[in-house]
Amino acid sequence: MVRRHEVTDQAWAVIGPLLVPPRMGRPVRDRRQVLDGILWKLSTGAAWRDLPERYGPWKTVYERFRRWSADGTWDRLLAHVQ
């Protein structure tokens, strides 16, 4: 069941390939789970620390959003879906 602020399977098929995991370093958290957490936060306006546990640690989701914003990934993703 897809919740209101979460990405559908159809949308993930389009968005997922844009969020390639890094080649080196430690394993990354599920990219779809992180994206759903970011969308929940942006949709609700809640504090990062209030992120529901189903999206993983709030700090991980926040750091990924910061990284994707800084490296242009977030802008590319938004342009692609528009």
Protein backbone atom coordinates (compact mmCIF):
# COMPACT_ATOMS: atom_id res chain seq x y z
CA MET A 1 0.00 0.00 0.00
CA VAL A 2 1.41 3.38 -1.01
CA ARG A 3 0.84 6.15 1.50
CA ARG A 4 -0.09 9.66 0.46
CA HIS A 5 3.43 11.13 0.51
CA GLU A 6 5.16 8.12 -1.01
CA VAL A 7 6.31 7.33 -4.54
CA THR A 8 4.25 4.83 -6.55
CA ASP A 9 5.88 1.91 -8.36
CA GLN A 10 5.20 3.67 -11.68
CA ALA A 11 6.85 6.90 -10.51
CA TRP A 12 9.79 4.98 -9.01
CA ALA A 13 10.43 3.32 -12.39
CA VAL A 14 11.06 6.82 -13.78
CA ILE A 15 12.83 8.37 -10.78
CA GLY A 16 14.88 5.44 -9.46
CA PRO A 17 17.48 5.38 -12.24
CA LEU A 18 18.27 9.06 -11.55
CA LEU A 19 19.33 8.23 -8.00
CA VAL A 20 22.27 5.95 -8.65
CA PRO A 21 24.11 4.78 -5.54
CA PRO A 22 27.75 5.78 -5.05
CA ARG A 23 30.34 3.27 -6.30
CA MET A 24 32.49 3.37 -3.18
CA GLY A 25 31.92 3.63 0.53
CA ARG A 26 29.57 1.88 2.87
CA PRO A 27 26.23 0.46 1.69
CA VAL A 28 23.51 3.07 1.32
CA ARG A 29 20.03 2.98 2.77
CA ASP A 30 17.20 2.14 0.39
CA ARG A 31 16.98 5.13 -1.96
CA ARG A 32 13.21 4.84 -2.34
CA GLN A 33 12.72 4.83 1.43
CA VAL A 34 14.89 7.94 1.73
CA LEU A 35 13.05 9.69 -1.11
CA ASP A 36 9.71 8.88 0.54
CA GLY A 37 11.05 10.37 3.78
CA ILE A 38 12.13 13.55 2.01
CA LEU A 39 8.74 13.86 0.31
CA TRP A 40 6.97 13.33 3.64
CA LYS A 41 9.04 16.05 5.29
CA LEU A 42 8.58 18.53 2.44
CA SER A 43 4.83 17.81 2.22
CA THR A 44 4.12 18.11 5.92
CA GLY A 45 6.54 20.87 6.88
CA ALA A 46 7.39 18.94 10.04
CA ALA A 47 10.82 19.03 11.62
CA TRP A 48 13.37 16.48 10.37
CA ARG A 49 13.46 14.92 13.86
CA ASP A 50 9.72 14.18 13.58
CA LEU A 51 10.23 11.94 10.54
CA PRO A 52 8.32 8.64 11.03
CA GLU A 53 10.55 5.64 11.74
CA ARG A 54 9.37 3.84 8.56
CA TYR A 55 11.60 6.20 6.54
CA GLY A 56 14.74 5.35 8.49
CA PRO A 57 16.85 7.56 10.74
CA TRP A 58 15.92 11.22 10.31
CA LYS A 59 19.56 12.24 10.14
CA THR A 60 20.24 9.85 7.24
CA VAL A 61 17.28 11.23 5.28
CA TYR A 62 18.32 14.81 6.05
CA GLU A 63 21.94 14.20 5.02
CA ARG A 64 20.86 12.58 1.75
CA PHE A 65 18.55 15.53 1.00
CA ARG A 66 21.43 17.95 1.73
CA ARG A 67 23.81 15.98 -0.49
CA TRP A 68 21.31 15.66 -3.35
CA SER A 69 20.53 19.40 -3.10
CA ALA A 70 24.22 20.38 -3.07
CA ASP A 71 25.30 18.16 -5.98
CA GLY A 72 22.35 19.06 -8.24
CA THR A 73 20.67 15.64 -8.05
CA TRP A 74 17.49 17.09 -6.52
CA ASP A 75 17.22 19.76 -9.26
CA ARG A 76 17.74 17.15 -12.00
CA LEU A 77 15.14 14.89 -10.44
CA LEU A 78 12.56 17.69 -10.23
CA ALA A 79 13.26 18.82 -13.81
CA HIS A 80 12.90 15.23 -15.05
CA VAL A 81 9.53 14.64 -13.42
CA GLN A 82 8.16 18.00 -14.52
